[in-house]
Protein backbone atom coordinates (compact mmCIF):
# COMPACT_ATOMS: atom_id res chain seq x y z
CA MET A 1 -31.77 -25.45 -27.21
CA ASN A 2 -32.82 -26.17 -23.63
CA ALA A 3 -31.29 -23.85 -21.06
CA TYR A 4 -30.81 -26.77 -18.68
CA ARG A 5 -29.95 -30.44 -18.72
CA ILE A 6 -31.04 -32.96 -16.11
CA GLU A 7 -28.34 -34.83 -14.21
CA ARG A 8 -28.80 -37.58 -11.66
CA ASP A 9 -26.76 -38.84 -8.72
CA SER A 10 -27.47 -41.12 -5.77
CA MET A 11 -29.54 -38.39 -4.12
CA GLY A 12 -31.81 -37.58 -7.06
CA GLU A 13 -32.04 -35.17 -9.99
CA MET A 14 -31.07 -31.53 -10.55
CA GLN A 15 -31.22 -29.04 -13.37
CA ILE A 16 -27.75 -28.01 -14.52
CA PRO A 17 -27.20 -24.97 -16.77
CA GLN A 18 -26.56 -26.26 -20.28
CA THR A 19 -23.52 -23.98 -20.56
CA ALA A 20 -21.94 -25.41 -17.40
CA TYR A 21 -19.18 -27.97 -17.68
CA TYR A 22 -19.52 -28.89 -14.04
CA GLY A 23 -22.21 -31.36 -13.01
CA ILE A 24 -24.64 -32.27 -10.27
CA GLN A 25 -22.20 -32.78 -7.40
CA THR A 26 -20.65 -29.37 -8.08
CA ALA A 27 -24.12 -27.83 -8.24
CA ARG A 28 -24.96 -29.29 -4.83
CA ALA A 29 -21.72 -27.86 -3.45
CA ILE A 30 -22.50 -24.42 -4.87
CA ALA A 31 -25.84 -24.50 -3.05
CA ASN A 32 -24.42 -25.89 0.18
CA PHE A 33 -21.30 -23.76 0.57
CA GLU A 34 -22.13 -20.10 0.06
CA ILE A 35 -19.45 -19.10 2.53
CA SER A 36 -16.66 -16.82 1.34
CA GLY A 37 -16.98 -16.40 -2.40
CA ILE A 38 -13.31 -17.45 -2.63
CA LYS A 39 -12.70 -19.96 -5.39
CA PRO A 40 -9.79 -22.43 -5.67
CA LEU A 41 -6.39 -20.96 -6.48
CA PRO A 42 -5.35 -21.41 -10.12
CA VAL A 43 -2.14 -23.19 -9.09
CA TYR A 44 -4.19 -25.69 -7.09
CA VAL A 45 -6.47 -26.30 -10.06
CA ASP A 46 -3.38 -26.80 -12.23
CA ALA A 47 -2.08 -29.40 -9.81
CA CYS A 48 -5.37 -31.31 -9.92
CA LEU A 49 -5.39 -31.22 -13.72
CA MET A 50 -1.84 -32.56 -13.90
CA ILE A 51 -2.83 -35.42 -11.61
CA LYS A 52 -5.88 -36.20 -13.75
CA MET A 53 -3.78 -36.14 -16.91
CA ALA A 54 -1.24 -38.53 -15.43
CA THR A 55 -3.87 -40.92 -14.06
CA ALA A 56 -5.86 -40.97 -17.32
CA LEU A 57 -2.78 -41.77 -19.40
CA VAL A 58 -1.52 -44.44 -16.99
CA ASN A 59 -4.94 -46.08 -16.64
CA ALA A 60 -5.23 -46.15 -20.44
CA GLU A 61 -1.76 -47.66 -20.81
CA LEU A 62 -2.64 -50.31 -18.22
CA GLY A 63 -5.92 -51.16 -19.95
CA CYS A 64 -8.10 -49.91 -17.12
CA ILE A 65 -9.93 -47.45 -19.37
CA PRO A 66 -10.03 -47.34 -23.21
CA ILE A 67 -7.01 -45.76 -24.87
CA ASP A 68 -9.05 -43.16 -26.75
CA MET A 69 -10.86 -42.19 -23.55
CA GLY A 70 -7.61 -41.72 -21.65
CA MET A 71 -6.15 -39.63 -24.45
CA THR A 72 -9.30 -37.51 -24.64
CA ILE A 73 -9.38 -36.85 -20.89
CA ALA A 74 -5.70 -35.87 -21.10
CA ALA A 75 -6.50 -33.56 -24.03
CA ALA A 76 -9.20 -31.88 -21.93
CA CYS A 77 -6.63 -31.40 -19.17
CA ASP A 78 -4.25 -29.81 -21.67
CA GLU A 79 -6.88 -27.37 -22.89
CA ILE A 80 -7.74 -26.18 -19.40
CA LEU A 81 -4.09 -25.90 -18.41
CA ASP A 82 -3.76 -23.64 -21.47
CA GLY A 83 -6.47 -21.36 -20.08
CA LYS A 84 -9.82 -22.67 -21.28
CA LEU A 85 -12.82 -23.19 -18.97
CA ARG A 86 -11.05 -21.71 -15.95
CA ASP A 87 -14.33 -20.19 -14.78
CA GLN A 88 -15.81 -23.65 -14.25
CA PHE A 89 -13.97 -24.34 -10.99
CA VAL A 90 -16.47 -22.76 -8.68
CA VAL A 91 -16.63 -24.47 -5.30
CA ASP A 92 -15.97 -22.27 -2.28
CA ILE A 93 -12.71 -23.08 -0.52
CA TYR A 94 -14.71 -23.73 2.69
CA GLN A 95 -16.50 -26.88 1.61
CA ALA A 96 -17.05 -30.57 2.22
CA GLY A 97 -14.36 -32.21 4.29
CA ALA A 98 -11.30 -33.66 2.54
CA GLY A 99 -12.09 -31.71 -0.65
CA THR A 100 -14.61 -34.06 -2.27
CA SER A 101 -16.63 -31.16 -3.71
CA HIS A 102 -13.65 -29.58 -5.44
CA HIS A 103 -12.43 -32.99 -6.58
CA MET A 104 -15.78 -33.80 -8.18
CA ASN A 105 -15.85 -30.33 -9.74
CA VAL A 106 -12.61 -31.23 -11.53
CA ASN A 107 -13.86 -34.71 -12.50
CA GLU A 108 -17.13 -33.35 -13.90
CA VAL A 109 -15.55 -30.56 -15.93
CA LEU A 110 -13.07 -32.99 -17.47
CA ALA A 111 -15.75 -35.57 -18.24
CA ASN A 112 -17.99 -33.03 -19.95
CA ARG A 113 -15.19 -31.46 -21.97
CA ALA A 114 -13.97 -34.92 -23.01
CA LEU A 115 -17.52 -35.76 -24.11
CA GLU A 116 -17.53 -32.65 -26.32
CA ILE A 117 -14.18 -33.62 -27.83
CA PHE A 118 -15.73 -37.01 -28.61
CA GLY A 119 -18.58 -35.17 -30.35
CA ASP A 120 -21.06 -36.11 -27.64
CA VAL A 121 -23.20 -33.96 -25.33
CA LYS A 122 -22.45 -32.80 -21.83
CA GLY A 123 -23.98 -35.01 -19.17
CA ASN A 124 -23.84 -38.30 -21.12
CA TYR A 125 -21.90 -39.98 -18.32
CA ALA A 126 -22.70 -43.46 -19.61
CA ARG A 127 -19.99 -42.80 -22.19
CA ILE A 128 -17.48 -40.88 -20.00
CA SER A 129 -18.21 -40.81 -16.29
CA PRO A 130 -16.65 -38.38 -13.78
CA ASN A 131 -16.48 -41.22 -11.26
CA ASP A 132 -15.95 -44.41 -13.24
CA HIS A 133 -13.53 -43.07 -15.85
CA VAL A 134 -11.94 -39.70 -14.98
CA ASN A 135 -11.60 -40.86 -11.38
CA TYR A 136 -10.71 -44.48 -12.09
CA GLY A 137 -8.49 -45.93 -9.33
CA GLN A 138 -8.56 -42.66 -7.39
CA SER A 139 -10.14 -41.16 -4.32
CA THR A 140 -10.41 -37.66 -2.93
CA ASN A 141 -8.35 -39.05 -0.09
CA ASP A 142 -5.22 -39.62 -2.18
CA VAL A 143 -5.78 -37.05 -4.94
CA ILE A 144 -6.19 -33.98 -2.72
CA PRO A 145 -3.05 -34.44 -0.57
CA THR A 146 -1.15 -35.06 -3.81
CA ALA A 147 -2.62 -31.89 -5.31
CA ILE A 148 -1.51 -29.91 -2.25
CA ARG A 149 2.00 -31.27 -2.72
CA ILE A 150 2.14 -30.47 -6.44
CA GLY A 151 0.47 -27.09 -5.98
CA ALA A 152 2.91 -26.07 -3.27
CA LEU A 153 5.91 -27.18 -5.33
CA ILE A 154 4.67 -25.24 -8.36
CA ALA A 155 4.00 -22.13 -6.25
CA LEU A 156 7.43 -22.29 -4.66
CA GLU A 157 9.12 -22.46 -8.07
CA ARG A 158 6.87 -19.81 -9.60
CA TYR A 159 6.62 -17.27 -6.79
CA LEU A 160 8.79 -17.71 -3.73
CA TYR A 161 12.16 -18.99 -4.93
CA PRO A 162 12.62 -16.25 -7.55
CA ALA A 163 11.57 -13.62 -5.01
CA LEU A 164 14.05 -14.88 -2.42
CA SER A 165 16.82 -14.85 -5.02
CA ASN A 166 15.92 -11.30 -6.05
CA LEU A 167 15.73 -10.04 -2.49
CA SER A 168 19.01 -11.66 -1.45
CA ASN A 169 20.72 -10.25 -4.55
CA GLU A 170 19.42 -6.71 -3.96
CA LEU A 171 20.53 -6.84 -0.32
CA HIS A 172 23.98 -8.03 -1.42
CA LEU A 173 24.26 -5.15 -3.87
CA LYS A 174 23.35 -2.66 -1.15
CA ALA A 175 25.90 -4.28 1.16
CA ILE A 176 28.58 -3.51 -1.43
CA GLU A 177 27.29 0.00 -2.05
CA PHE A 178 27.18 0.86 1.66
CA ALA A 179 30.36 -0.97 2.67
CA ASP A 180 32.14 2.21 3.79
CA VAL A 181 29.20 3.86 5.59
CA ILE A 182 29.83 4.00 9.33
CA LYS A 183 26.82 4.45 11.59
CA SER A 184 25.83 3.96 15.19
CA GLY A 185 24.85 0.46 16.10
CA ARG A 186 21.78 0.08 18.32
CA THR A 187 20.78 -2.54 20.84
CA HIS A 188 17.62 -2.27 22.96
CA LEU A 189 16.93 0.77 20.73
CA GLN A 190 19.78 2.49 22.54
CA ASP A 191 23.15 3.64 21.21
CA ALA A 192 25.66 0.85 20.64
CA VAL A 193 29.15 0.60 19.20
CA PRO A 194 29.67 1.67 15.56
CA VAL A 195 28.81 -0.67 12.71
CA ARG A 196 28.83 -0.38 8.95
CA LEU A 197 25.58 -0.05 7.07
CA GLY A 198 26.95 -2.45 4.46
CA ASP A 199 27.50 -5.09 7.12
CA GLU A 200 23.90 -4.74 8.26
CA PHE A 201 22.66 -5.35 4.71
CA LEU A 202 25.07 -8.25 4.29
CA ALA A 203 23.55 -9.82 7.40
CA TYR A 204 20.06 -9.36 5.94
CA ALA A 205 21.16 -11.06 2.71
CA GLN A 206 22.61 -13.98 4.67
CA ILE A 207 19.37 -14.38 6.64
CA ILE A 208 17.27 -14.52 3.46
CA GLY A 209 19.66 -16.98 1.83
CA SER A 210 19.51 -19.28 4.86
CA HIS A 211 15.72 -19.28 4.77
CA TYR A 212 15.81 -20.24 1.09
CA LYS A 213 17.78 -23.38 1.99
CA ARG A 214 15.48 -24.24 4.91
CA ILE A 215 12.38 -23.98 2.73
CA GLN A 216 13.94 -26.14 0.02
CA THR A 217 14.78 -28.79 2.61
CA ALA A 218 11.24 -28.78 3.97
CA ALA A 219 9.75 -28.89 0.47
CA ASP A 220 11.71 -31.99 -0.50
CA ASP A 221 9.28 -34.06 1.57
CA LEU A 222 6.44 -32.92 -0.71
CA LYS A 223 7.86 -35.07 -3.49
CA ARG A 224 6.80 -38.34 -1.80
CA LEU A 225 3.27 -39.09 -2.97
CA GLY A 226 0.43 -41.08 -1.46
CA LEU A 227 -1.26 -41.20 -4.89
CA GLY A 228 -2.31 -44.80 -5.47
CA GLY A 229 -3.50 -45.31 -1.92
CA SER A 230 -7.08 -44.88 -3.12
CA ALA A 231 -9.73 -44.52 -0.39
CA SER A 232 -7.80 -45.50 2.73
CA GLY A 233 -4.23 -46.23 1.71
CA THR A 234 -4.66 -49.86 0.68
CA GLY A 235 -4.73 -49.22 -3.07
CA LEU A 236 -8.19 -50.73 -3.53
CA ASN A 237 -9.44 -50.59 -7.17
CA THR A 238 -6.01 -49.73 -8.58
CA HIS A 239 -3.84 -51.72 -11.00
CA PRO A 240 -0.77 -53.33 -9.33
CA GLN A 241 1.56 -51.16 -11.46
CA TYR A 242 -0.49 -47.99 -11.12
CA CYS A 243 1.26 -46.45 -8.10
CA ASP A 244 4.76 -46.51 -9.58
CA ARG A 245 3.63 -45.66 -13.10
CA VAL A 246 1.53 -42.67 -12.09
CA ALA A 247 4.37 -41.18 -10.03
CA GLU A 248 6.65 -41.57 -13.04
CA LYS A 249 4.09 -40.01 -15.40
CA LEU A 250 3.39 -37.14 -13.01
CA SER A 251 7.12 -36.48 -12.78
CA GLU A 252 7.25 -36.11 -16.57
CA ILE A 253 4.29 -33.72 -16.57
CA THR A 254 5.38 -31.53 -13.64
CA GLY A 255 9.16 -31.62 -14.00
CA PHE A 256 9.56 -32.60 -10.35
CA GLU A 257 11.31 -35.78 -9.21
CA LEU A 258 8.32 -37.45 -7.62
CA ARG A 259 8.15 -40.92 -6.13
CA PRO A 260 5.63 -43.03 -4.24
CA ALA A 261 5.75 -42.82 -0.47
CA THR A 262 7.10 -45.91 1.23
CA ASN A 263 3.82 -46.14 3.14
CA LEU A 264 0.79 -44.85 1.24
CA MET A 265 -1.45 -44.93 4.28
CA ALA A 266 0.95 -42.77 6.25
CA ALA A 267 1.30 -40.31 3.38
CA MET A 268 -2.48 -39.92 3.20
CA GLN A 269 -3.06 -39.55 6.94
CA SER A 270 -0.25 -37.24 8.00
CA MET A 271 -0.22 -33.56 7.13
CA ALA A 272 3.31 -33.22 8.55
CA PRO A 273 4.96 -32.27 5.22
CA PHE A 274 2.56 -29.35 4.85
CA VAL A 275 3.09 -28.26 8.44
CA ALA A 276 6.86 -28.35 7.89
CA VAL A 277 6.69 -26.18 4.77
CA SER A 278 4.24 -23.81 6.42
CA GLY A 279 6.53 -23.59 9.45
CA SER A 280 9.46 -22.70 7.25
CA LEU A 281 7.34 -19.95 5.66
CA ARG A 282 6.37 -18.63 9.09
CA ASN A 283 10.02 -18.62 10.09
CA LEU A 284 10.90 -16.63 6.97
CA ALA A 285 7.98 -14.25 7.57
CA GLN A 286 9.17 -13.52 11.09
CA ASP A 287 12.61 -12.43 9.88
CA CYS A 288 11.06 -10.46 7.03
CA VAL A 289 8.93 -8.55 9.54
CA LYS A 290 12.12 -7.64 11.36
CA LEU A 291 13.81 -6.60 8.10
CA ALA A 292 10.85 -4.44 7.06
CA ASN A 293 10.70 -2.88 10.52
CA ASP A 294 14.42 -2.11 10.45
CA LEU A 295 14.06 -0.35 7.11
CA ARG A 296 11.10 1.65 8.38
CA LEU A 297 12.99 2.63 11.53
CA MET A 298 16.15 3.68 9.71
CA ASP A 299 13.99 5.74 7.32
CA SER A 300 11.94 7.36 10.09
CA GLY A 301 11.66 11.13 9.97
CA PRO A 302 12.56 13.01 7.89
CA LYS A 303 13.12 15.62 10.62
CA THR A 304 12.22 13.89 13.87
CA GLY A 305 13.39 10.33 13.28
CA LEU A 306 16.63 8.52 12.49
CA LYS A 307 16.61 9.16 8.74
CA GLU A 308 19.83 7.25 8.12
CA ILE A 309 18.47 5.90 4.84
CA GLN A 310 15.84 6.98 2.32
CA LEU A 311 13.42 4.39 1.02
CA PRO A 312 12.19 5.20 -2.48
CA PRO A 313 8.87 7.07 -2.32
CA VAL A 314 6.31 5.29 -4.49
CA GLN A 315 3.11 7.18 -3.70
CA PRO A 316 1.83 10.11 -1.61
CA GLY A 317 1.56 9.09 2.02
CA SER A 318 -1.29 11.16 3.37
CA SER A 319 -4.71 12.40 2.37
CA ILE A 320 -4.25 15.53 4.49
CA MET A 321 -0.50 16.17 4.99
CA PRO A 322 1.09 17.43 1.74
CA GLY A 323 4.56 16.21 0.84
CA LYS A 324 4.42 13.18 3.14
CA TYR A 325 5.79 9.86 1.92
CA ASN A 326 5.43 6.64 3.86
CA PRO A 327 7.40 3.36 3.72
CA VAL A 328 4.43 1.63 2.11
CA ILE A 329 6.24 -1.33 0.53
CA ALA A 330 7.73 -2.27 3.90
CA GLU A 331 4.32 -1.81 5.54
CA MET A 332 2.69 -4.07 2.95
CA THR A 333 5.41 -6.66 3.58
CA ASN A 334 4.57 -6.66 7.27
CA MET A 335 0.87 -7.23 6.57
CA VAL A 336 1.58 -10.15 4.26
CA CYS A 337 3.93 -11.70 6.79
CA TYR A 338 1.30 -11.44 9.53
CA GLN A 339 -1.19 -13.19 7.23
CA VAL A 340 1.31 -15.98 6.57
CA MET A 341 1.79 -16.43 10.31
CA GLY A 342 -1.98 -16.63 10.73
CA TYR A 343 -2.26 -19.18 7.96
CA ASP A 344 0.45 -21.24 9.66
CA ALA A 345 -1.57 -21.34 12.87
CA ALA A 346 -4.66 -22.45 10.93
CA ILE A 347 -2.65 -25.15 9.11
CA ALA A 348 -1.30 -26.48 12.41
CA LEU A 349 -4.81 -26.71 13.86
CA ALA A 350 -6.16 -28.37 10.71
CA ALA A 351 -3.28 -30.85 10.56
CA GLN A 352 -4.00 -32.27 14.00
CA ALA A 353 -7.73 -32.59 13.26
CA GLY A 354 -7.55 -35.82 11.26
CA GLN A 355 -9.15 -39.03 12.43
CA LEU A 356 -8.01 -42.55 11.62
CA GLU A 357 -7.43 -42.91 7.85
CA LEU A 358 -8.22 -39.33 6.79
CA ASN A 359 -7.75 -35.65 7.53
CA VAL A 360 -10.95 -33.90 6.51
CA MET A 361 -9.48 -30.39 6.85
CA MET A 362 -7.37 -30.63 3.71
CA PRO A 363 -9.25 -27.91 1.75
CA LEU A 364 -8.22 -25.37 4.38
CA ILE A 365 -4.61 -26.58 4.31
CA ALA A 366 -4.57 -26.47 0.50
CA TYR A 367 -5.69 -22.86 0.26
CA ASP A 368 -3.71 -21.49 3.20
CA LEU A 369 -0.43 -23.16 2.27
CA ILE A 370 -0.46 -22.30 -1.43
CA HIS A 371 -1.78 -18.79 -0.81
CA SER A 372 0.97 -18.22 1.77
CA ILE A 373 3.59 -19.11 -0.81
CA GLU A 374 2.03 -16.89 -3.47
CA ILE A 375 1.53 -13.75 -1.38
CA LEU A 376 4.87 -14.06 0.38
CA GLY A 377 6.63 -14.44 -2.96
CA ASN A 378 4.81 -11.46 -4.46
CA ALA A 379 5.47 -9.32 -1.39
CA LEU A 380 9.18 -10.09 -1.21
CA ASP A 381 9.57 -9.50 -4.93
CA SER A 382 8.00 -6.07 -4.47
CA LEU A 383 10.23 -5.42 -1.46
CA ALA A 384 13.30 -6.23 -3.54
CA ILE A 385 12.36 -4.29 -6.68
CA LYS A 386 10.32 -1.36 -5.37
CA CYS A 387 12.10 -0.77 -2.07
CA VAL A 388 15.55 -2.26 -1.47
CA ASN A 389 16.75 -1.56 -5.00
CA GLY A 390 16.17 2.19 -4.60
CA ILE A 391 17.45 2.74 -1.06
CA THR A 392 19.87 5.64 -0.67
CA VAL A 393 21.96 6.53 2.37
CA MET A 394 22.21 9.76 4.35
CA ARG A 395 25.96 9.54 4.91
CA ASP A 396 26.38 12.69 7.02
CA ARG A 397 23.49 11.70 9.28
CA CYS A 398 24.98 8.24 9.82
CA LEU A 399 28.42 9.69 10.63
CA ASP A 400 26.98 12.29 13.03
CA TYR A 401 25.17 9.60 14.99
CA ALA A 402 28.25 7.38 15.08
CA GLU A 403 30.54 10.17 16.29
CA GLY A 404 28.05 11.35 18.92
CA SER A 405 27.28 7.94 20.37
CA LEU A 406 28.14 7.45 24.04
CA SER A 407 28.77 3.81 23.27
CA LEU A 408 32.13 4.79 21.79
CA VAL A 409 33.26 4.61 25.39
CA THR A 410 33.18 0.80 25.01
CA ALA A 411 36.49 1.00 23.15
CA LEU A 412 38.07 2.49 26.25
CA ASN A 413 37.25 -0.50 28.48
CA THR A 414 40.47 -2.38 27.88
CA HIS A 415 42.53 0.81 28.45
CA ILE A 416 40.95 2.51 31.48
CA GLY A 417 38.52 -0.14 32.80
CA TYR A 418 34.76 -0.58 32.72
CA LEU A 419 33.94 1.56 35.78
CA ASN A 420 36.08 4.51 34.65
CA SER A 421 34.49 4.25 31.20
CA ALA A 422 30.97 4.22 32.68
CA ASP A 423 31.77 7.28 34.79
CA ILE A 424 33.07 9.14 31.73
CA ALA A 425 29.89 8.27 29.82
CA LYS A 426 27.74 9.69 32.64
CA GLU A 427 29.71 12.92 32.75
CA SER A 428 29.54 13.30 28.98
CA LEU A 429 25.77 12.88 29.03
CA SER A 430 25.25 15.35 31.87
CA SER A 431 27.84 17.98 30.86
CA GLY A 432 27.66 17.81 27.09
CA LYS A 433 31.44 17.40 26.90
CA SER A 434 32.85 14.87 24.44
CA LEU A 435 34.30 11.59 25.62
CA ARG A 436 37.66 12.63 24.20
CA GLN A 437 37.66 15.91 26.19
CA ILE A 438 36.87 14.23 29.50
CA VAL A 439 39.52 11.52 29.08
CA LEU A 440 42.15 14.14 28.29
CA GLU A 441 41.08 16.34 31.20
CA ARG A 442 41.46 13.42 33.57
CA GLY A 443 44.82 12.47 32.06
CA LEU A 444 43.75 8.89 31.50
CA MET A 445 45.11 8.62 27.94
CA SER A 446 47.15 10.67 25.50
CA GLU A 447 45.74 12.28 22.35
CA ALA A 448 47.61 9.80 20.21
CA GLN A 449 46.20 6.86 22.13
CA LEU A 450 42.67 8.26 21.89
CA ALA A 451 42.99 8.85 18.15
CA GLU A 452 43.90 5.22 17.68
CA VAL A 453 41.32 3.76 20.07
CA LEU A 454 38.39 5.96 18.95
CA ASN A 455 38.98 5.39 15.24
CA LEU A 456 35.48 4.69 13.93
CA GLU A 457 36.61 2.68 10.94
CA GLN A 458 38.74 0.48 13.14
CA MET A 459 35.96 0.12 15.72
CA SER A 460 33.48 -1.03 13.06
CA ARG A 461 35.96 -3.68 11.80
CA PRO A 462 38.14 -4.37 14.86
CA ASN A 463 39.73 -7.56 13.51
CA GLU A 464 40.40 -6.25 10.03
CA ARG A 465 44.01 -5.41 9.34
């Protein structure tokens, strides 16, 4: 058997490894784009395969390609979705504008696998062509933005939504567990009035839950497809029923409620839906940075920091300091969130870089958006399971801080006035005397009044009766 086969395109001939399912356009891309070594994300490949399955079946039903050919292309899609030939998607993510190289990689692999199913040889494109048959009625310009939509929706369902649910649930459970723990509040990193640790965790849970809803709202716009717009949004070379039928078929395959965009040209030109989803991810990442930082701060120590809580140690923290454990899961979360913020900036720049009927920066948007969803989901799942779930509280430490806080003087404002309260705080700080002692010495309040006003439980829930 020859080690190579000869394939031809409009630019000439090339030798293609006989074992390769990709073809000449993919081979040219491999040679042209030796950039990062990063290959397309599996979820993105899945999205492309689902699109190709839907288009092959619809085109066969409409008589645009033979029935047996459409069924065979769909069967090839099924095989690869089940895990076969995954190593054949080889084009670097930094590639030809709009994603033509990756798109042709998919078309060629499907054509060659379909040829094999037919009992034919790879490269016999007169029988099944990557362009004329697998890609019938399609263009990179409508397939790739659709693949980004489907890929992002799949990634959200697979990675991020479950992670957000897990994290919110774990935070809620800790809110219940720590409901009676009184600690010093802090604003500007300075002592503030008492709060309850459970209330802090309840606030975190609420923040995560609100982001979940925002992301779902943003993602709803991904379900409007420009597929059927063909090269420039006009629908050239497509059957009149193709646009509606392919959205319906793709809905069946993906499980999402997809529909054609009201204006196919607009859906192909504008990257706004991707920017909106990316922005919602950045917004979530910013609050998750704050959450991770709060956990790290409350766990700081163990002797010279706050040490109000203990994050579960998961690995030794130092190569030189024995017995040291670091808040590594929270630190990892921060790094992932910073990457998501960076991806968002790149997506925003790429989104405004389109011209006229096309945005040629879609490969960058595809990778950065889907990768953001995946890594953020994985990170927050780890944060929930390996960190929040195992947090314990240092109750005595929390109570000591709360009782020693000068900000307890705030409760005296309505009884002795702001200026008197400020003066008492200064004297307490300079003399070391307690607030209670100074107030009694000055005869400003009775012991009974002070006991009621400086009740920490009441101060942490002032409107609870």
